[in-house]
Amino acid sequence: MRDLIIQYRYLVTNLRKEQKELLEQKKKLMSALYKERKKSDSNLEKMEELEAEIALNETISSQKGEIISEREYDIEWMETGRRPGNKRGAERRSKYQRALRVDPNRFLNMAYVEPEVKTEKELDILEDQVLEILWDVLTKSERNLYFLAYAYGYSESEIAETTKLTYENVKATLGNARRKIKQNREKIEKRFKKIKDTA
């Protein structure tokens, strides 16, 4: 998907350059036509030729403009993961419908817990340790789908589209990956404890 976005952006920049060149060419043609009309002995055939070239130039320029707008629409859709200008779900509701009602008495019983702060080095070590466990436990296809789902935020249907697998296959593979990770949770927690003890 990212490669496609890059290709579309490249296409859009090239089309914009070509549009600028067409605009410059149109200006030259218009000035040539203007000069030809000013002449006392103007050539009618040459003027018709110039007008035809200007019309062709405008047609090509408008076609390139349409392609640019379509590609920009596609890029926005791919980057945001939803159709541009489309409102759905929570966004269609009013402010009061989106607000969650919470009992204020619930907050009286809550205690503030100081969050445990880790250094960058500790986080890197933890990440490497967890990735090692995942590499040991999961198959290659499970790893790939798991990373698409949880590292890049793809939905199961998007993964199915991207990998050309069936939706049921993606769902089953992700289910297997989650189950294996759950079963090996103790290993992961032991690695975390070792890191905490050494830090």
N, C-alpha and C. Protein backbone atom coordinates (compact mmCIF):
# COMPACT_ATOMS: atom_id res chain seq x y z
N MET A 1 0.83 -1.19 0.00
CA MET A 1 0.00 0.00 0.00
C MET A 1 0.88 1.26 0.00
N ARG A 2 1.94 1.24 0.83
CA ARG A 2 2.81 2.43 0.89
C ARG A 2 3.49 2.66 -0.45
N ASP A 3 3.89 1.56 -1.11
CA ASP A 3 4.52 1.69 -2.42
C ASP A 3 3.57 2.34 -3.42
N LEU A 4 2.31 1.95 -3.35
CA LEU A 4 1.31 2.51 -4.26
C LEU A 4 1.11 4.00 -4.01
N ILE A 5 1.10 4.39 -2.73
CA ILE A 5 0.97 5.81 -2.38
C ILE A 5 2.15 6.59 -2.96
N ILE A 6 3.36 6.03 -2.81
CA ILE A 6 4.56 6.70 -3.33
C ILE A 6 4.46 6.84 -4.85
N GLN A 7 4.02 5.76 -5.52
CA GLN A 7 3.88 5.81 -6.98
C GLN A 7 2.86 6.86 -7.40
N TYR A 8 1.73 6.93 -6.69
CA TYR A 8 0.71 7.92 -7.02
C TYR A 8 1.22 9.34 -6.81
N ARG A 9 1.97 9.55 -5.73
CA ARG A 9 2.53 10.90 -5.47
C ARG A 9 3.49 11.29 -6.58
N TYR A 10 4.32 10.33 -6.98
CA TYR A 10 5.27 10.57 -8.07
C TYR A 10 4.52 10.92 -9.35
N LEU A 11 3.45 10.17 -9.64
CA LEU A 11 2.63 10.42 -10.83
C LEU A 11 2.02 11.81 -10.78
N VAL A 12 1.50 12.20 -9.62
CA VAL A 12 0.87 13.52 -9.47
C VAL A 12 1.89 14.64 -9.70
N THR A 13 3.10 14.50 -9.14
CA THR A 13 4.11 15.56 -9.35
C THR A 13 4.51 15.65 -10.81
N ASN A 14 4.66 14.50 -11.48
CA ASN A 14 4.99 14.52 -12.91
C ASN A 14 3.88 15.16 -13.74
N LEU A 15 2.63 14.81 -13.42
CA LEU A 15 1.50 15.38 -14.15
C LEU A 15 1.41 16.89 -13.94
N ARG A 16 1.72 17.36 -12.75
CA ARG A 16 1.70 18.80 -12.48
C ARG A 16 2.77 19.52 -13.31
N LYS A 17 3.97 18.89 -13.41
CA LYS A 17 5.03 19.47 -14.25
C LYS A 17 4.56 19.56 -15.70
N GLU A 18 3.95 18.47 -16.18
CA GLU A 18 3.46 18.46 -17.56
C GLU A 18 2.37 19.51 -17.77
N GLN A 19 1.52 19.70 -16.75
CA GLN A 19 0.48 20.73 -16.85
C GLN A 19 1.09 22.13 -16.96
N LYS A 20 2.16 22.36 -16.19
CA LYS A 20 2.84 23.67 -16.28
C LYS A 20 3.42 23.88 -17.67
N GLU A 21 4.03 22.82 -18.21
CA GLU A 21 4.59 22.92 -19.56
C GLU A 21 3.48 23.20 -20.58
N LEU A 22 2.33 22.54 -20.41
CA LEU A 22 1.20 22.78 -21.32
C LEU A 22 0.70 24.22 -21.20
N LEU A 23 0.71 24.74 -20.00
CA LEU A 23 0.27 26.13 -19.79
C LEU A 23 1.21 27.10 -20.50
N GLU A 24 2.53 26.83 -20.37
CA GLU A 24 3.52 27.69 -21.06
C GLU A 24 3.33 27.61 -22.58
N GLN A 25 3.11 26.38 -23.06
CA GLN A 25 2.90 26.17 -24.49
C GLN A 25 1.64 26.91 -24.96
N LYS A 26 0.59 26.87 -24.12
CA LYS A 26 -0.67 27.55 -24.47
C LYS A 26 -0.45 29.06 -24.55
N LYS A 27 0.34 29.61 -23.62
CA LYS A 27 0.62 31.05 -23.64
C LYS A 27 1.32 31.45 -24.94
N LYS A 28 2.30 30.60 -25.33
CA LYS A 28 3.02 30.89 -26.58
C LYS A 28 2.07 30.83 -27.79
N LEU A 29 1.21 29.81 -27.80
CA LEU A 29 0.25 29.67 -28.91
C LEU A 29 -0.72 30.85 -28.94
N MET A 30 -1.18 31.28 -27.76
CA MET A 30 -2.12 32.41 -27.69
C MET A 30 -1.46 33.70 -28.19
N SER A 31 -0.18 33.91 -27.80
CA SER A 31 0.50 35.13 -28.26
C SER A 31 0.73 35.07 -29.77
N ALA A 32 1.04 33.86 -30.29
CA ALA A 32 1.23 33.71 -31.74
C ALA A 32 -0.08 33.99 -32.47
N LEU A 33 -1.20 33.50 -31.91
CA LEU A 33 -2.51 33.73 -32.51
C LEU A 33 -2.87 35.21 -32.47
N TYR A 34 -2.58 35.85 -31.36
CA TYR A 34 -2.84 37.29 -31.20
C TYR A 34 -2.06 38.11 -32.23
N LYS A 35 -0.76 37.73 -32.39
CA LYS A 35 0.08 38.44 -33.38
C LYS A 35 -0.44 38.23 -34.80
N GLU A 36 -0.89 37.00 -35.07
CA GLU A 36 -1.40 36.68 -36.41
C GLU A 36 -2.67 37.47 -36.70
N ARG A 37 -3.52 37.63 -35.70
CA ARG A 37 -4.77 38.40 -35.90
C ARG A 37 -4.49 39.89 -36.11
N LYS A 38 -3.41 40.39 -35.49
CA LYS A 38 -3.06 41.81 -35.58
C LYS A 38 -2.54 42.17 -36.98
N LYS A 39 -1.96 41.16 -37.65
CA LYS A 39 -1.40 41.44 -38.97
C LYS A 39 -2.51 41.84 -39.94
N SER A 40 -2.15 42.71 -40.85
CA SER A 40 -3.14 43.14 -41.86
C SER A 40 -3.38 42.05 -42.90
N ASP A 41 -2.33 41.31 -43.22
CA ASP A 41 -2.48 40.21 -44.19
C ASP A 41 -2.40 38.86 -43.46
N SER A 42 -3.27 38.65 -42.46
CA SER A 42 -3.23 37.43 -41.65
C SER A 42 -3.65 36.21 -42.46
N ASN A 43 -2.97 35.09 -42.16
CA ASN A 43 -3.21 33.83 -42.84
C ASN A 43 -4.32 33.08 -42.10
N LEU A 44 -5.43 32.84 -42.75
CA LEU A 44 -6.59 32.20 -42.13
C LEU A 44 -6.30 30.75 -41.73
N GLU A 45 -5.57 30.04 -42.58
CA GLU A 45 -5.24 28.64 -42.30
C GLU A 45 -4.35 28.52 -41.06
N LYS A 46 -3.37 29.42 -40.97
CA LYS A 46 -2.47 29.40 -39.82
C LYS A 46 -3.22 29.69 -38.53
N MET A 47 -4.18 30.64 -38.59
CA MET A 47 -4.98 30.97 -37.41
C MET A 47 -5.82 29.77 -36.97
N GLU A 48 -6.40 29.06 -37.92
CA GLU A 48 -7.20 27.87 -37.59
C GLU A 48 -6.33 26.78 -36.99
N GLU A 49 -5.12 26.65 -37.52
CA GLU A 49 -4.17 25.67 -36.97
C GLU A 49 -3.84 25.99 -35.52
N LEU A 50 -3.55 27.26 -35.26
CA LEU A 50 -3.23 27.70 -33.90
C LEU A 50 -4.40 27.47 -32.95
N GLU A 51 -5.63 27.79 -33.41
CA GLU A 51 -6.82 27.58 -32.57
C GLU A 51 -7.03 26.10 -32.28
N ALA A 52 -6.78 25.23 -33.26
CA ALA A 52 -6.91 23.78 -33.06
C ALA A 52 -5.87 23.29 -32.05
N GLU A 53 -4.64 23.81 -32.14
CA GLU A 53 -3.59 23.41 -31.19
C GLU A 53 -3.93 23.87 -29.77
N ILE A 54 -4.50 25.08 -29.65
CA ILE A 54 -4.90 25.59 -28.33
C ILE A 54 -6.01 24.71 -27.75
N ALA A 55 -6.99 24.34 -28.58
CA ALA A 55 -8.09 23.49 -28.12
C ALA A 55 -7.56 22.12 -27.67
N LEU A 56 -6.63 21.55 -28.43
CA LEU A 56 -6.04 20.27 -28.08
C LEU A 56 -5.27 20.39 -26.77
N ASN A 57 -4.52 21.48 -26.63
CA ASN A 57 -3.76 21.75 -25.42
C ASN A 57 -4.68 21.80 -24.20
N GLU A 58 -5.79 22.52 -24.33
CA GLU A 58 -6.75 22.63 -23.23
C GLU A 58 -7.36 21.28 -22.87
N THR A 59 -7.67 20.47 -23.86
CA THR A 59 -8.24 19.14 -23.64
C THR A 59 -7.27 18.26 -22.85
N ILE A 60 -6.02 18.23 -23.31
CA ILE A 60 -5.00 17.41 -22.63
C ILE A 60 -4.79 17.90 -21.21
N SER A 61 -4.74 19.23 -21.03
CA SER A 61 -4.54 19.81 -19.70
C SER A 61 -5.69 19.45 -18.76
N SER A 62 -6.92 19.51 -19.26
CA SER A 62 -8.07 19.17 -18.40
C SER A 62 -8.07 17.68 -18.06
N GLN A 63 -7.65 16.82 -19.00
CA GLN A 63 -7.56 15.38 -18.72
C GLN A 63 -6.52 15.11 -17.64
N LYS A 64 -5.38 15.78 -17.73
CA LYS A 64 -4.34 15.61 -16.72
C LYS A 64 -4.84 16.12 -15.36
N GLY A 65 -5.60 17.21 -15.37
CA GLY A 65 -6.17 17.74 -14.13
C GLY A 65 -7.12 16.74 -13.48
N GLU A 66 -7.93 16.08 -14.29
CA GLU A 66 -8.85 15.06 -13.76
C GLU A 66 -8.07 13.90 -13.15
N ILE A 67 -7.02 13.46 -13.82
CA ILE A 67 -6.20 12.36 -13.30
C ILE A 67 -5.56 12.76 -11.98
N ILE A 68 -5.06 14.01 -11.91
CA ILE A 68 -4.44 14.49 -10.68
C ILE A 68 -5.43 14.46 -9.53
N SER A 69 -6.64 14.99 -9.76
CA SER A 69 -7.64 15.04 -8.68
C SER A 69 -8.05 13.63 -8.26
N GLU A 70 -8.16 12.70 -9.21
CA GLU A 70 -8.52 11.32 -8.86
C GLU A 70 -7.41 10.66 -8.05
N ARG A 71 -6.15 10.86 -8.43
CA ARG A 71 -5.03 10.25 -7.69
C ARG A 71 -4.92 10.85 -6.29
N GLU A 72 -5.13 12.18 -6.15
CA GLU A 72 -5.09 12.79 -4.82
C GLU A 72 -6.20 12.24 -3.93
N TYR A 73 -7.37 12.01 -4.51
CA TYR A 73 -8.50 11.40 -3.80
C TYR A 73 -8.10 10.00 -3.32
N ASP A 74 -7.47 9.21 -4.22
CA ASP A 74 -7.03 7.85 -3.88
C ASP A 74 -5.97 7.86 -2.78
N ILE A 75 -5.03 8.81 -2.87
CA ILE A 75 -3.96 8.90 -1.86
C ILE A 75 -4.57 9.19 -0.50
N GLU A 76 -5.49 10.15 -0.45
CA GLU A 76 -6.13 10.48 0.83
C GLU A 76 -6.88 9.28 1.39
N TRP A 77 -7.55 8.54 0.52
CA TRP A 77 -8.30 7.35 0.94
C TRP A 77 -7.35 6.31 1.52
N MET A 78 -6.20 6.09 0.84
CA MET A 78 -5.25 5.08 1.32
C MET A 78 -4.57 5.49 2.61
N GLU A 79 -4.27 6.80 2.76
CA GLU A 79 -3.59 7.26 3.95
C GLU A 79 -4.50 7.24 5.18
N THR A 80 -5.75 7.65 5.00
CA THR A 80 -6.67 7.71 6.14
C THR A 80 -7.41 6.41 6.37
N GLY A 81 -7.47 5.55 5.34
CA GLY A 81 -8.18 4.28 5.47
C GLY A 81 -9.68 4.42 5.34
N ARG A 82 -10.14 5.54 4.84
CA ARG A 82 -11.58 5.74 4.64
C ARG A 82 -11.82 6.73 3.50
N ARG A 83 -13.00 6.64 2.94
CA ARG A 83 -13.30 7.48 1.78
C ARG A 83 -13.32 8.95 2.19
N PRO A 84 -12.63 9.81 1.44
CA PRO A 84 -12.59 11.24 1.77
C PRO A 84 -13.99 11.86 1.75
N GLY A 85 -14.26 12.67 2.78
CA GLY A 85 -15.55 13.36 2.86
C GLY A 85 -16.68 12.49 3.39
N ASN A 86 -16.38 11.23 3.69
CA ASN A 86 -17.42 10.32 4.16
C ASN A 86 -17.49 10.37 5.68
N LYS A 87 -18.65 10.70 6.21
CA LYS A 87 -18.81 10.70 7.66
C LYS A 87 -19.62 9.49 8.06
N ARG A 88 -19.15 8.81 9.08
CA ARG A 88 -19.86 7.61 9.51
C ARG A 88 -19.65 7.40 11.00
N GLY A 89 -20.46 6.54 11.56
CA GLY A 89 -20.29 6.15 12.95
C GLY A 89 -20.42 7.32 13.91
N ALA A 90 -19.41 7.42 14.80
CA ALA A 90 -19.44 8.42 15.87
C ALA A 90 -19.42 9.84 15.34
N GLU A 91 -18.85 10.05 14.14
CA GLU A 91 -18.75 11.40 13.60
C GLU A 91 -20.11 11.96 13.21
N ARG A 92 -21.08 11.08 12.94
CA ARG A 92 -22.41 11.55 12.55
C ARG A 92 -23.24 11.98 13.76
N ARG A 93 -22.84 11.52 14.92
CA ARG A 93 -23.61 11.85 16.12
C ARG A 93 -23.33 13.27 16.59
N SER A 94 -24.25 13.78 17.40
CA SER A 94 -24.03 15.11 17.96
C SER A 94 -23.05 15.01 19.13
N LYS A 95 -22.64 16.16 19.63
CA LYS A 95 -21.68 16.21 20.72
C LYS A 95 -22.20 15.45 21.94
N TYR A 96 -23.48 15.61 22.23
CA TYR A 96 -24.05 14.99 23.42
C TYR A 96 -24.24 13.48 23.26
N GLN A 97 -24.44 13.04 22.03
CA GLN A 97 -24.53 11.59 21.79
C GLN A 97 -23.18 10.92 21.91
N ARG A 98 -22.10 11.65 21.58
CA ARG A 98 -20.76 11.07 21.67
C ARG A 98 -20.25 11.04 23.09
N ALA A 99 -20.77 11.92 23.95
CA ALA A 99 -20.28 12.02 25.32
C ALA A 99 -20.67 10.78 26.12
N LEU A 100 -19.72 10.30 26.93
CA LEU A 100 -19.98 9.15 27.79
C LEU A 100 -20.41 9.66 29.16
N ARG A 101 -21.47 9.06 29.68
CA ARG A 101 -21.93 9.46 31.01
C ARG A 101 -21.21 8.60 32.05
N VAL A 102 -20.58 9.26 33.01
CA VAL A 102 -19.82 8.57 34.05
C VAL A 102 -20.31 9.04 35.40
N ASP A 103 -20.43 8.09 36.31
CA ASP A 103 -20.84 8.42 37.67
C ASP A 103 -19.67 9.09 38.39
N PRO A 104 -19.83 10.34 38.88
CA PRO A 104 -18.71 11.03 39.53
C PRO A 104 -18.24 10.34 40.81
N ASN A 105 -19.11 9.56 41.45
CA ASN A 105 -18.72 8.86 42.69
C ASN A 105 -17.66 7.79 42.42
N ARG A 106 -17.58 7.32 41.19
CA ARG A 106 -16.56 6.32 40.84
C ARG A 106 -15.16 6.87 41.06
N PHE A 107 -14.97 8.17 40.81
CA PHE A 107 -13.65 8.76 40.92
C PHE A 107 -13.19 8.91 42.37
N LEU A 108 -14.13 8.91 43.32
CA LEU A 108 -13.76 9.06 44.73
C LEU A 108 -12.99 7.84 45.23
N ASN A 109 -13.30 6.67 44.69
CA ASN A 109 -12.66 5.43 45.13
C ASN A 109 -11.37 5.11 44.40
N MET A 110 -11.03 5.91 43.40
CA MET A 110 -9.82 5.66 42.63
C MET A 110 -8.60 6.25 43.32
N ALA A 111 -7.49 5.52 43.25
CA ALA A 111 -6.24 6.00 43.83
C ALA A 111 -5.25 6.28 42.69
N TYR A 112 -4.46 7.31 42.85
CA TYR A 112 -3.48 7.64 41.82
C TYR A 112 -2.28 6.71 41.96
N VAL A 113 -1.90 6.10 40.88
CA VAL A 113 -0.74 5.21 40.87
C VAL A 113 0.32 5.85 39.99
N GLU A 114 1.50 6.00 40.54
CA GLU A 114 2.61 6.60 39.81
C GLU A 114 3.04 5.65 38.69
N PRO A 115 3.01 6.08 37.43
CA PRO A 115 3.40 5.18 36.35
C PRO A 115 4.89 4.86 36.39
N GLU A 116 5.23 3.61 36.06
CA GLU A 116 6.62 3.19 36.06
C GLU A 116 7.29 3.72 34.79
N VAL A 117 8.36 4.47 34.97
CA VAL A 117 9.03 5.10 33.83
C VAL A 117 10.25 4.26 33.44
N LYS A 118 10.35 3.96 32.15
CA LYS A 118 11.49 3.18 31.66
C LYS A 118 12.35 4.06 30.75
N THR A 119 13.63 3.77 30.75
CA THR A 119 14.54 4.51 29.88
C THR A 119 14.42 3.95 28.46
N GLU A 120 14.98 4.68 27.50
CA GLU A 120 14.95 4.24 26.10
C GLU A 120 15.65 2.90 25.94
N LYS A 121 16.77 2.74 26.66
CA LYS A 121 17.55 1.49 26.56
C LYS A 121 16.72 0.31 27.06
N GLU A 122 16.04 0.49 28.19
CA GLU A 122 15.19 -0.58 28.74
C GLU A 122 14.07 -0.94 27.77
N LEU A 123 13.46 0.07 27.18
CA LEU A 123 12.38 -0.18 26.22
C LEU A 123 12.88 -0.93 24.99
N ASP A 124 14.06 -0.56 24.51
CA ASP A 124 14.65 -1.27 23.36
C ASP A 124 14.91 -2.73 23.68
N ILE A 125 15.45 -2.97 24.89
CA ILE A 125 15.74 -4.34 25.31
C ILE A 125 14.44 -5.15 25.40
N LEU A 126 13.42 -4.54 26.03
CA LEU A 126 12.12 -5.21 26.15
C LEU A 126 11.55 -5.56 24.78
N GLU A 127 11.63 -4.61 23.87
CA GLU A 127 11.10 -4.82 22.52
C GLU A 127 11.81 -5.99 21.84
N ASP A 128 13.15 -6.01 21.94
CA ASP A 128 13.92 -7.09 21.33
C ASP A 128 13.57 -8.43 21.93
N GLN A 129 13.42 -8.46 23.26
CA GLN A 129 13.11 -9.73 23.96
C GLN A 129 11.74 -10.27 23.52
N VAL A 130 10.76 -9.37 23.47
CA VAL A 130 9.40 -9.78 23.08
C VAL A 130 9.40 -10.25 21.63
N LEU A 131 10.10 -9.54 20.76
CA LEU A 131 10.17 -9.93 19.35
C LEU A 131 10.84 -11.29 19.19
N GLU A 132 11.85 -11.58 20.00
CA GLU A 132 12.51 -12.90 19.96
C GLU A 132 11.51 -14.00 20.28
N ILE A 133 10.70 -13.76 21.31
CA ILE A 133 9.70 -14.77 21.70
C ILE A 133 8.68 -14.95 20.59
N LEU A 134 8.23 -13.84 20.02
CA LEU A 134 7.26 -13.93 18.93
C LEU A 134 7.85 -14.70 17.75
N TRP A 135 9.13 -14.46 17.46
CA TRP A 135 9.77 -15.14 16.34
C TRP A 135 9.86 -16.64 16.61
N ASP A 136 10.11 -17.01 17.87
CA ASP A 136 10.21 -18.43 18.22
C ASP A 136 8.85 -19.12 18.15
N VAL A 137 7.82 -18.44 18.59
CA VAL A 137 6.50 -19.05 18.77
C VAL A 137 5.69 -19.09 17.48
N LEU A 138 5.69 -18.00 16.72
CA LEU A 138 4.80 -17.87 15.56
C LEU A 138 5.47 -18.35 14.27
N THR A 139 4.63 -18.83 13.37
CA THR A 139 5.12 -19.18 12.03
C THR A 139 5.30 -17.89 11.23
N LYS A 140 5.93 -17.99 10.07
CA LYS A 140 6.20 -16.80 9.26
C LYS A 140 4.91 -16.09 8.85
N SER A 141 3.91 -16.85 8.40
CA SER A 141 2.65 -16.23 7.98
C SER A 141 1.92 -15.59 9.16
N GLU A 142 1.97 -16.26 10.32
CA GLU A 142 1.33 -15.68 11.52
C GLU A 142 2.02 -14.38 11.92
N ARG A 143 3.35 -14.37 11.86
CA ARG A 143 4.11 -13.15 12.19
C ARG A 143 3.73 -12.01 11.27
N ASN A 144 3.72 -12.30 9.95
CA ASN A 144 3.41 -11.25 8.97
C ASN A 144 2.03 -10.65 9.20
N LEU A 145 1.03 -11.53 9.36
CA LEU A 145 -0.34 -11.05 9.56
C LEU A 145 -0.48 -10.33 10.89
N TYR A 146 0.20 -10.85 11.94
CA TYR A 146 0.13 -10.24 13.26
C TYR A 146 0.70 -8.82 13.23
N PHE A 147 1.83 -8.64 12.52
CA PHE A 147 2.43 -7.31 12.42
C PHE A 147 1.56 -6.37 11.60
N LEU A 148 0.95 -6.88 10.53
CA LEU A 148 0.05 -6.03 9.76
C LEU A 148 -1.12 -5.55 10.63
N ALA A 149 -1.62 -6.46 11.46
CA ALA A 149 -2.79 -6.13 12.29
C ALA A 149 -2.44 -5.20 13.44
N TYR A 150 -1.35 -5.52 14.17
CA TYR A 150 -1.10 -4.80 15.42
C TYR A 150 0.01 -3.76 15.34
N ALA A 151 0.92 -3.89 14.38
CA ALA A 151 1.96 -2.86 14.25
C ALA A 151 1.53 -1.76 13.30
N TYR A 152 0.80 -2.14 12.22
CA TYR A 152 0.39 -1.15 11.22
C TYR A 152 -1.09 -0.80 11.32
N GLY A 153 -1.85 -1.51 12.15
CA GLY A 153 -3.25 -1.16 12.37
C GLY A 153 -4.20 -1.54 11.25
N TYR A 154 -3.86 -2.53 10.44
CA TYR A 154 -4.75 -2.97 9.37
C TYR A 154 -5.90 -3.79 9.96
N SER A 155 -7.08 -3.66 9.39
CA SER A 155 -8.20 -4.52 9.80
C SER A 155 -8.06 -5.86 9.08
N GLU A 156 -8.84 -6.85 9.53
CA GLU A 156 -8.75 -8.18 8.93
C GLU A 156 -9.11 -8.15 7.45
N SER A 157 -10.12 -7.36 7.10
CA SER A 157 -10.52 -7.27 5.68
C SER A 157 -9.43 -6.59 4.85
N GLU A 158 -8.76 -5.57 5.40
CA GLU A 158 -7.68 -4.90 4.68
C GLU A 158 -6.49 -5.84 4.48
N ILE A 159 -6.21 -6.65 5.50
CA ILE A 159 -5.12 -7.63 5.39
C ILE A 159 -5.45 -8.63 4.30
N ALA A 160 -6.72 -9.08 4.26
CA ALA A 160 -7.14 -10.04 3.24
C ALA A 160 -6.96 -9.46 1.84
N GLU A 161 -7.31 -8.19 1.67
CA GLU A 161 -7.14 -7.52 0.38
C GLU A 161 -5.67 -7.40 0.00
N THR A 162 -4.85 -6.99 0.98
CA THR A 162 -3.44 -6.75 0.73
C THR A 162 -2.69 -8.04 0.40
N THR A 163 -2.96 -9.10 1.18
CA THR A 163 -2.20 -10.35 1.02
C THR A 163 -2.84 -11.31 0.04
N LYS A 164 -4.04 -10.96 -0.48
CA LYS A 164 -4.78 -11.81 -1.42
C LYS A 164 -5.18 -13.16 -0.80
N LEU A 165 -5.35 -13.16 0.54
CA LEU A 165 -5.86 -14.35 1.23
C LEU A 165 -7.35 -14.16 1.47
N THR A 166 -8.03 -15.24 1.80
CA THR A 166 -9.45 -15.11 2.11
C THR A 166 -9.60 -14.51 3.51
N TYR A 167 -10.73 -13.88 3.73
CA TYR A 167 -11.00 -13.24 5.03
C TYR A 167 -10.97 -14.29 6.14
N GLU A 168 -11.56 -15.47 5.88
CA GLU A 168 -11.63 -16.54 6.89
C GLU A 168 -10.22 -17.03 7.24
N ASN A 169 -9.36 -17.14 6.22
CA ASN A 169 -7.99 -17.58 6.44
C ASN A 169 -7.23 -16.58 7.32
N VAL A 170 -7.39 -15.29 7.03
CA VAL A 170 -6.74 -14.25 7.82
C VAL A 170 -7.22 -14.30 9.26
N LYS A 171 -8.54 -14.42 9.42
CA LYS A 171 -9.13 -14.45 10.77
C LYS A 171 -8.60 -15.65 11.56
N ALA A 172 -8.53 -16.82 10.91
CA ALA A 172 -8.06 -18.03 11.58
C ALA A 172 -6.58 -17.92 11.95
N THR A 173 -5.77 -17.38 11.03
CA THR A 173 -4.33 -17.25 11.28
C THR A 173 -4.07 -16.27 12.43
N LEU A 174 -4.78 -15.15 12.43
CA LEU A 174 -4.63 -14.19 13.54
C LEU A 174 -5.09 -14.79 14.86
N GLY A 175 -6.18 -15.59 14.80
CA GLY A 175 -6.65 -16.27 16.01
C GLY A 175 -5.60 -17.22 16.55
N ASN A 176 -4.95 -17.98 15.66
CA ASN A 176 -3.87 -18.89 16.08
C ASN A 176 -2.72 -18.12 16.70
N ALA A 177 -2.35 -16.99 16.07
CA ALA A 177 -1.25 -16.17 16.58
C ALA A 177 -1.57 -15.65 17.98
N ARG A 178 -2.80 -15.15 18.16
CA ARG A 178 -3.20 -14.64 19.49
C ARG A 178 -3.17 -15.74 20.54
N ARG A 179 -3.66 -16.92 20.15
CA ARG A 179 -3.70 -18.05 21.08
C ARG A 179 -2.29 -18.44 21.50
N LYS A 180 -1.36 -18.51 20.53
CA LYS A 180 0.02 -18.88 20.84
C LYS A 180 0.68 -17.85 21.76
N ILE A 181 0.39 -16.58 21.49
CA ILE A 181 0.98 -15.52 22.33
C ILE A 181 0.42 -15.61 23.74
N LYS A 182 -0.88 -15.90 23.85
CA LYS A 182 -1.51 -16.04 25.17
C LYS A 182 -0.88 -17.20 25.93
N GLN A 183 -0.64 -18.32 25.22
CA GLN A 183 -0.04 -19.49 25.86
C GLN A 183 1.39 -19.21 26.32
N ASN A 184 2.09 -18.39 25.60
CA ASN A 184 3.49 -18.09 25.93
C ASN A 184 3.64 -16.79 26.73
N ARG A 185 2.54 -16.34 27.29
CA ARG A 185 2.56 -15.09 28.06
C ARG A 185 3.51 -15.19 29.25
N GLU A 186 3.57 -16.36 29.87
CA GLU A 186 4.46 -16.55 31.03
C GLU A 186 5.92 -16.31 30.64
N LYS A 187 6.31 -16.83 29.47
CA LYS A 187 7.68 -16.61 28.98
C LYS A 187 7.97 -15.13 28.86
N ILE A 188 7.02 -14.41 28.27
CA ILE A 188 7.20 -12.97 28.05
C ILE A 188 7.31 -12.26 29.40
N GLU A 189 6.42 -12.62 30.34
CA GLU A 189 6.46 -11.97 31.65
C GLU A 189 7.74 -12.28 32.40
N LYS A 190 8.27 -13.51 32.25
CA LYS A 190 9.55 -13.85 32.89
C LYS A 190 10.68 -13.00 32.33
N ARG A 191 10.68 -12.80 31.01
CA ARG A 191 11.71 -11.95 30.40
C ARG A 191 11.61 -10.52 30.93
N PHE A 192 10.37 -10.05 31.08
CA PHE A 192 10.16 -8.69 31.63
C PHE A 192 10.72 -8.59 33.03
N LYS A 193 10.48 -9.63 33.87
CA LYS A 193 10.95 -9.61 35.26
C LYS A 193 12.47 -9.62 35.29
N LYS A 194 13.11 -10.42 34.42
CA LYS A 194 14.58 -10.46 34.37
C LYS A 194 15.13 -9.09 34.03
N ILE A 195 14.52 -8.43 33.09
CA ILE A 195 14.96 -7.09 32.67
C ILE A 195 14.81 -6.10 33.82
N LYS A 196 13.68 -6.20 34.56
CA LYS A 196 13.46 -5.29 35.69
C LYS A 196 14.51 -5.51 36.77
N ASP A 197 14.86 -6.80 37.01
CA ASP A 197 15.85 -7.10 38.04
C ASP A 197 17.24 -6.59 37.67
N THR A 198 17.59 -6.69 36.39
CA THR A 198 18.92 -6.24 35.97
C THR A 198 19.01 -4.72 35.86
N ALA A 199 17.86 -4.05 35.62
CA ALA A 199 17.87 -2.58 35.43
C ALA A 199 18.04 -1.85 36.74
